[in-house]
Amino acid sequence: MYKKTRFYDFTYYNFIGTWAWILHRLAGLALIFYLSLHIWVINSLTYGEKTFNEVMTFLSSPLFKLLEVGLWGVILFHAFNGVRIVIVDFFKGSLAHKKLFILFIAAAFVLWALGSFMLLRHAF
């Protein structure tokens, strides 16, 4: 039966589907933030080559290399969870949505580890 919960009752949030939903939305917001930052960097080209090179020098610091590793993880999570959502919604995947979540996140984690190794190896 349906159990009415209060906003502060965190027992409602102890489900994989709920966390997948919350993390998918947060990943989407992070990607929107990154897209805005990307557009700002490209916009710096309109101020001349010198300004663009200064911005790119700032963005090539080790801190931003680590943020690129995080961005790679956010992209993979959002993409793989999006595929899982399509399977759940259109192909009767709701019967196995927890298993699909674990499978896709494990695959995303493996790709994240390989990609992170390559990014960091190239950066340092």
Protein backbone atom coordinates (compact mmCIF):
# COMPACT_ATOMS: atom_id res chain seq x y z
CA MET A 1 0.00 0.00 0.00
CA TYR A 2 0.94 3.60 -0.39
CA LYS A 3 2.63 5.01 2.67
CA LYS A 4 2.34 8.75 3.16
CA THR A 5 5.72 10.22 4.09
CA ARG A 6 6.85 13.55 5.37
CA PHE A 7 9.58 15.52 3.64
CA TYR A 8 12.05 14.88 6.44
CA ASP A 9 11.35 11.13 6.53
CA PHE A 10 14.52 9.83 4.86
CA THR A 11 13.37 6.21 4.78
CA TYR A 12 11.66 7.11 1.50
CA TYR A 13 15.04 7.91 -0.05
CA ASN A 14 16.55 4.47 0.62
CA PHE A 15 15.68 3.14 -2.82
CA ILE A 16 18.02 2.78 -5.80
CA GLY A 17 15.47 4.32 -8.14
CA THR A 18 15.15 7.43 -5.98
CA TRP A 19 18.90 7.92 -5.80
CA ALA A 20 19.23 7.29 -9.53
CA TRP A 21 16.62 10.00 -10.13
CA ILE A 22 18.29 12.49 -7.78
CA LEU A 23 21.79 11.84 -9.16
CA HIS A 24 20.55 12.02 -12.75
CA ARG A 25 19.11 15.48 -12.11
CA LEU A 26 22.27 16.66 -10.34
CA ALA A 27 24.41 15.32 -13.19
CA GLY A 28 22.22 17.19 -15.66
CA LEU A 29 22.67 20.42 -13.69
CA ALA A 30 26.44 19.87 -13.58
CA LEU A 31 26.48 19.38 -17.35
CA ILE A 32 24.48 22.59 -17.85
CA PHE A 33 27.03 24.41 -15.68
CA TYR A 34 29.87 22.92 -17.73
CA LEU A 35 28.17 23.92 -20.99
CA SER A 36 27.87 27.49 -19.71
CA LEU A 37 31.55 27.50 -18.78
CA HIS A 38 32.44 26.05 -22.17
CA ILE A 39 30.47 28.77 -23.97
CA TRP A 40 32.24 31.41 -21.83
CA VAL A 41 35.65 30.00 -22.79
CA ILE A 42 34.76 29.96 -26.48
CA ASN A 43 33.38 33.50 -26.12
CA SER A 44 36.81 34.63 -24.93
CA LEU A 45 37.94 34.18 -28.53
CA THR A 46 35.96 37.30 -29.41
CA TYR A 47 38.32 39.35 -27.20
CA GLY A 48 41.38 38.28 -29.13
CA GLU A 49 43.98 35.58 -29.24
CA LYS A 50 45.84 36.87 -26.19
CA THR A 51 42.78 36.72 -23.93
CA PHE A 52 41.89 33.25 -25.17
CA ASN A 53 45.44 32.01 -24.51
CA GLU A 54 45.33 33.46 -20.98
CA VAL A 55 42.04 31.67 -20.28
CA MET A 56 43.41 28.40 -21.70
CA THR A 57 46.57 28.73 -19.59
CA PHE A 58 44.41 29.17 -16.50
CA LEU A 59 42.29 26.16 -17.45
CA SER A 60 45.34 23.93 -18.00
CA SER A 61 46.20 23.92 -14.29
CA PRO A 62 46.26 20.59 -12.43
CA LEU A 63 43.05 21.51 -10.57
CA PHE A 64 41.14 21.71 -13.84
CA LYS A 65 42.67 18.42 -15.01
CA LEU A 66 41.14 16.78 -11.94
CA LEU A 67 37.84 18.54 -12.67
CA GLU A 68 37.99 17.06 -16.19
CA VAL A 69 38.18 13.61 -14.61
CA GLY A 70 35.06 14.47 -12.61
CA LEU A 71 33.37 15.79 -15.74
CA TRP A 72 34.14 12.52 -17.51
CA GLY A 73 32.45 10.65 -14.65
CA VAL A 74 29.39 12.91 -14.72
CA ILE A 75 29.05 12.48 -18.49
CA LEU A 76 29.28 8.69 -18.24
CA PHE A 77 26.83 8.49 -15.34
CA HIS A 78 24.29 10.72 -17.07
CA ALA A 79 24.61 8.86 -20.37
CA PHE A 80 24.40 5.33 -18.95
CA ASN A 81 21.59 6.22 -16.58
CA GLY A 82 19.76 7.83 -19.50
CA VAL A 83 20.03 4.58 -21.47
CA ARG A 84 18.72 2.73 -18.41
CA ILE A 85 15.77 5.12 -18.20
CA VAL A 86 14.91 4.50 -21.86
CA ILE A 87 15.06 0.74 -21.31
CA VAL A 88 12.88 0.99 -18.20
CA ASP A 89 10.32 3.26 -19.85
CA PHE A 90 10.01 1.70 -23.29
CA PHE A 91 11.11 -1.93 -23.05
CA LYS A 92 9.53 -3.20 -19.80
CA GLY A 93 12.81 -2.82 -17.96
CA SER A 94 11.06 -1.84 -14.75
CA LEU A 95 11.09 -5.48 -13.72
CA ALA A 96 14.89 -5.34 -13.50
CA HIS A 97 15.65 -1.66 -13.05
CA LYS A 98 17.88 -2.22 -10.01
CA LYS A 99 19.98 -4.79 -11.83
CA LEU A 100 20.16 -2.51 -14.87
CA PHE A 101 21.30 0.37 -12.68
CA ILE A 102 24.08 -1.67 -11.12
CA LEU A 103 25.14 -3.09 -14.50
CA PHE A 104 25.25 0.27 -16.26
CA ILE A 105 26.96 2.06 -13.38
CA ALA A 106 29.58 -0.70 -13.19
CA ALA A 107 30.21 -0.32 -16.94
CA ALA A 108 30.38 3.47 -16.55
CA PHE A 109 32.82 3.09 -13.66
CA VAL A 110 35.13 0.88 -15.72
CA LEU A 111 35.07 3.37 -18.59
CA TRP A 112 35.61 6.21 -16.12
CA ALA A 113 38.67 4.51 -14.64
CA LEU A 114 40.19 3.86 -18.08
CA GLY A 115 39.41 7.36 -19.32
CA SER A 116 40.69 8.96 -16.12
CA PHE A 117 43.95 7.08 -16.40
CA MET A 118 44.37 8.32 -19.96
CA LEU A 119 43.45 11.92 -19.06
CA LEU A 120 45.78 12.07 -16.09
CA ARG A 121 48.61 10.32 -17.93
CA HIS A 122 48.35 12.88 -20.70
CA ALA A 123 48.08 15.78 -18.24
CA PHE A 124 51.10 14.90 -16.15
